Amino acid sequence: MDAAADLLLEGGFEAVRHRSVASRSGLPLASTTYYFESLDELIAAAVERNGARDLDEMRNHVRQVTHRRRGRESTVDLLVDLVVGSGDAERLAARYEWLVAAARRPELRDVQIRLRSQIDDVVAEACRRSDRDDRGRPRRLVSVIDGAMVCGIGNRDPDLRAAARTLLLDVIDVLAPQAEYHDGEEH
């Protein structure tokens, strides 16, 4: 799985072949074809493995976030850190390539739905730790970031993090307003 995931990151869908995965992992070719009957299954597993890696990083990051009331800018910075990370254009291009490919590759659709749901959960937790009321709208927050990334990658924007940050600053108080308190109680 790790070999397939690494090959996918390095060379896209064309780099993931049973033979190349077997070679990279030091296993006989028969082992990859035994566990993954089709190339589509192998690619879907590689996408899922890379998504799991990204989610592990996001979850670890959010676990370290203390619960406190954050302002608009610090909340946006946290969300950009979670979803965009370092802003590595190649890694982000790969992630969005897989997301868009799910529209035409049914084997990727379920993988992307599962990954997206988990990303939404991480973003919702970051909002809660920032004393923000996401009102069940983490998907919208992530979609704003996704839009900024797709446009930025397509336009070769040199600062993808700034692109996402700019858009989120415009909508954060609508999609995740600060939680209201009265007499020490959250409402």
Protein backbone atom coordinates (compact mmCIF):
# COMPACT_ATOMS: atom_id res chain seq x y z
CA MET A 1 0.00 0.00 0.00
CA ASP A 2 2.78 2.43 0.90
CA ALA A 3 4.61 1.70 -2.33
CA ALA A 4 1.47 2.29 -4.40
CA ALA A 5 0.73 5.49 -2.47
CA ASP A 6 4.26 6.80 -2.99
CA LEU A 7 4.21 5.99 -6.71
CA LEU A 8 0.87 7.76 -7.06
CA LEU A 9 2.30 10.89 -5.43
CA GLU A 10 5.43 10.80 -7.55
CA GLY A 11 3.93 10.11 -10.96
CA GLY A 12 0.16 10.19 -10.88
CA PHE A 13 -2.19 7.46 -12.02
CA GLU A 14 0.13 6.33 -14.82
CA ALA A 15 2.88 5.47 -12.32
CA VAL A 16 0.76 2.97 -10.42
CA ARG A 17 1.06 -0.43 -12.08
CA HIS A 18 1.12 -3.86 -10.48
CA ARG A 19 4.68 -4.42 -11.67
CA SER A 20 5.99 -1.05 -10.42
CA VAL A 21 4.31 -1.47 -7.03
CA ALA A 22 5.75 -4.98 -6.66
CA SER A 23 9.20 -3.74 -7.65
CA ARG A 24 9.06 -0.75 -5.26
CA SER A 25 7.91 -2.89 -2.35
CA GLY A 26 10.34 -5.75 -3.04
CA LEU A 27 7.53 -8.28 -3.46
CA PRO A 28 6.77 -10.71 -6.28
CA LEU A 29 4.32 -9.45 -8.90
CA ALA A 30 1.87 -12.20 -7.93
CA SER A 31 1.40 -10.63 -4.49
CA THR A 32 0.07 -7.36 -5.90
CA THR A 33 -2.25 -9.07 -8.37
CA TYR A 34 -3.49 -11.41 -5.63
CA TYR A 35 -4.56 -8.60 -3.31
CA PHE A 36 -5.64 -6.18 -6.04
CA GLU A 37 -7.31 -7.93 -8.96
CA SER A 38 -7.61 -4.80 -11.05
CA LEU A 39 -5.48 -1.75 -11.57
CA ASP A 40 -8.48 0.36 -10.55
CA GLU A 41 -8.55 -1.37 -7.15
CA LEU A 42 -4.84 -0.74 -6.70
CA ILE A 43 -5.18 2.94 -7.58
CA ALA A 44 -8.17 3.36 -5.26
CA ALA A 45 -6.15 1.77 -2.43
CA ALA A 46 -3.24 4.14 -3.15
CA VAL A 47 -5.55 7.17 -3.06
CA GLU A 48 -7.06 5.95 0.20
CA ARG A 49 -3.62 5.41 1.73
CA ASN A 50 -2.48 8.93 0.80
CA GLY A 51 -5.74 10.34 2.14
CA ALA A 52 -5.23 8.44 5.40
CA ARG A 53 -1.73 9.89 5.69
CA ASP A 54 -3.09 13.42 5.22
CA LEU A 55 -5.85 12.78 7.75
CA ASP A 56 -3.37 11.46 10.31
CA GLU A 57 -1.41 14.72 10.00
CA MET A 58 -4.60 16.79 10.29
CA ARG A 59 -5.81 14.88 13.36
CA ASN A 60 -2.43 15.15 15.07
CA HIS A 61 -2.42 18.88 14.40
CA VAL A 62 -5.93 19.41 15.77
CA ARG A 63 -5.15 17.35 18.90
CA GLN A 64 -2.48 19.88 19.76
CA VAL A 65 -4.87 22.82 19.40
CA THR A 66 -6.01 24.10 22.77
CA HIS A 67 -9.64 24.98 23.28
CA ARG A 68 -9.89 28.76 23.37
CA ARG A 69 -11.83 31.53 21.76
CA ARG A 70 -10.02 32.46 18.54
CA GLY A 71 -10.56 35.51 16.43
CA ARG A 72 -11.27 35.54 12.74
CA GLU A 73 -7.65 35.55 11.54
CA SER A 74 -6.31 32.94 13.94
CA THR A 75 -9.23 30.61 13.14
CA VAL A 76 -8.59 31.00 9.42
CA ASP A 77 -4.87 30.36 9.92
CA LEU A 78 -5.69 27.16 11.82
CA LEU A 79 -8.03 25.92 9.08
CA VAL A 80 -5.52 26.71 6.34
CA ASP A 81 -2.82 24.88 8.31
CA LEU A 82 -5.09 21.85 8.59
CA VAL A 83 -6.37 21.58 5.05
CA VAL A 84 -3.62 23.17 2.95
CA GLY A 85 -0.65 22.28 5.13
CA SER A 86 2.66 23.57 3.87
CA GLY A 87 1.14 24.62 0.55
CA ASP A 88 3.27 22.16 -1.44
CA ALA A 89 1.78 22.69 -4.91
CA GLU A 90 2.70 19.22 -6.20
CA ARG A 91 1.13 17.40 -3.26
CA LEU A 92 -1.99 19.58 -3.44
CA ALA A 93 -2.25 19.10 -7.21
CA ALA A 94 -2.17 15.34 -6.65
CA ARG A 95 -4.88 15.53 -3.97
CA TYR A 96 -7.19 17.56 -6.19
CA GLU A 97 -6.41 15.40 -9.22
CA TRP A 98 -7.72 12.41 -7.28
CA LEU A 99 -10.78 14.32 -6.13
CA VAL A 100 -11.71 15.39 -9.66
CA ALA A 101 -10.96 11.92 -11.04
CA ALA A 102 -13.65 10.49 -8.78
CA ALA A 103 -16.24 12.06 -11.09
CA ARG A 104 -15.18 9.68 -13.86
CA ARG A 105 -13.76 6.78 -11.89
CA PRO A 106 -16.44 5.04 -9.84
CA GLU A 107 -13.83 3.09 -7.85
CA LEU A 108 -12.57 6.40 -6.43
CA ARG A 109 -15.96 7.87 -5.61
CA ASP A 110 -16.54 5.94 -2.39
CA VAL A 111 -12.97 6.55 -1.28
CA GLN A 112 -13.34 10.29 -1.79
CA ILE A 113 -16.70 10.36 0.01
CA ARG A 114 -15.16 8.62 3.04
CA LEU A 115 -12.10 10.85 3.05
CA ARG A 116 -14.18 14.01 2.66
CA SER A 117 -16.41 13.08 5.56
CA GLN A 118 -13.37 12.59 7.78
CA ILE A 119 -11.85 15.91 6.69
CA ASP A 120 -15.14 17.59 7.55
CA ASP A 121 -15.00 16.01 11.02
CA VAL A 122 -11.47 17.33 11.60
CA VAL A 123 -12.48 20.84 10.48
CA ALA A 124 -15.55 20.72 12.73
CA GLU A 125 -13.33 19.78 15.68
CA ALA A 126 -10.97 22.66 14.89
CA CYS A 127 -13.96 25.01 14.87
CA ARG A 128 -15.16 23.71 18.23
CA ARG A 129 -11.69 24.13 19.72
CA SER A 130 -11.70 27.69 18.40
CA ASP A 131 -15.02 28.43 20.07
CA ARG A 132 -16.68 28.65 16.69
CA ASP A 133 -20.18 27.48 15.89
CA ASP A 134 -19.83 25.56 12.64
CA ARG A 135 -23.59 24.75 12.63
CA GLY A 136 -22.84 21.63 10.68
CA ARG A 137 -21.10 23.58 7.90
CA PRO A 138 -17.54 22.23 7.84
CA ARG A 139 -18.15 20.94 4.30
CA ARG A 140 -18.74 24.51 3.15
CA LEU A 141 -15.54 25.70 4.81
CA VAL A 142 -13.57 22.91 3.13
CA SER A 143 -15.27 23.67 -0.19
CA VAL A 144 -14.10 27.28 0.00
CA ILE A 145 -10.54 26.05 0.51
CA ASP A 146 -10.95 23.50 -2.29
CA GLY A 147 -12.10 26.21 -4.67
CA ALA A 148 -9.12 28.37 -3.81
CA MET A 149 -6.76 25.43 -4.30
CA VAL A 150 -8.15 24.33 -7.65
CA CYS A 151 -8.07 27.88 -9.02
CA GLY A 152 -4.63 28.56 -7.51
CA ILE A 153 -3.10 25.34 -8.80
CA GLY A 154 -4.60 25.90 -12.25
CA ASN A 155 -3.27 29.45 -12.35
CA ARG A 156 0.11 28.46 -10.90
CA ASP A 157 -0.46 30.75 -7.92
CA PRO A 158 2.86 30.91 -6.06
CA ASP A 159 1.17 31.21 -2.65
CA LEU A 160 -1.67 28.74 -2.36
CA ARG A 161 -1.98 29.27 1.39
CA ALA A 162 -2.60 32.99 0.87
CA ALA A 163 -5.27 32.27 -1.73
CA ALA A 164 -7.16 30.00 0.68
CA ARG A 165 -6.68 32.42 3.56
CA THR A 166 -8.08 35.37 1.59
CA LEU A 167 -11.28 33.51 0.68
CA LEU A 168 -11.78 32.07 4.15
CA LEU A 169 -11.41 35.49 5.76
CA ASP A 170 -14.37 36.62 3.66
CA VAL A 171 -16.67 33.84 4.87
CA ILE A 172 -15.46 32.55 8.25
CA ASP A 173 -17.82 34.69 10.34
CA VAL A 174 -20.79 33.48 8.28
CA LEU A 175 -19.92 29.78 8.07
CA ALA A 176 -18.37 29.47 11.54
CA PRO A 177 -19.36 32.46 13.68
CA GLN A 178 -18.01 32.81 17.17
CA ALA A 179 -20.14 30.93 19.65
CA GLU A 180 -22.43 33.14 21.69
CA TYR A 181 -22.40 33.11 25.46
CA HIS A 182 -24.85 34.50 27.96
CA ASP A 183 -24.23 34.27 31.70
CA GLY A 184 -21.38 31.82 31.14
CA GLU A 185 -23.54 29.40 29.16
CA GLU A 186 -23.02 28.49 25.52
CA HIS A 187 -26.11 28.84 23.30
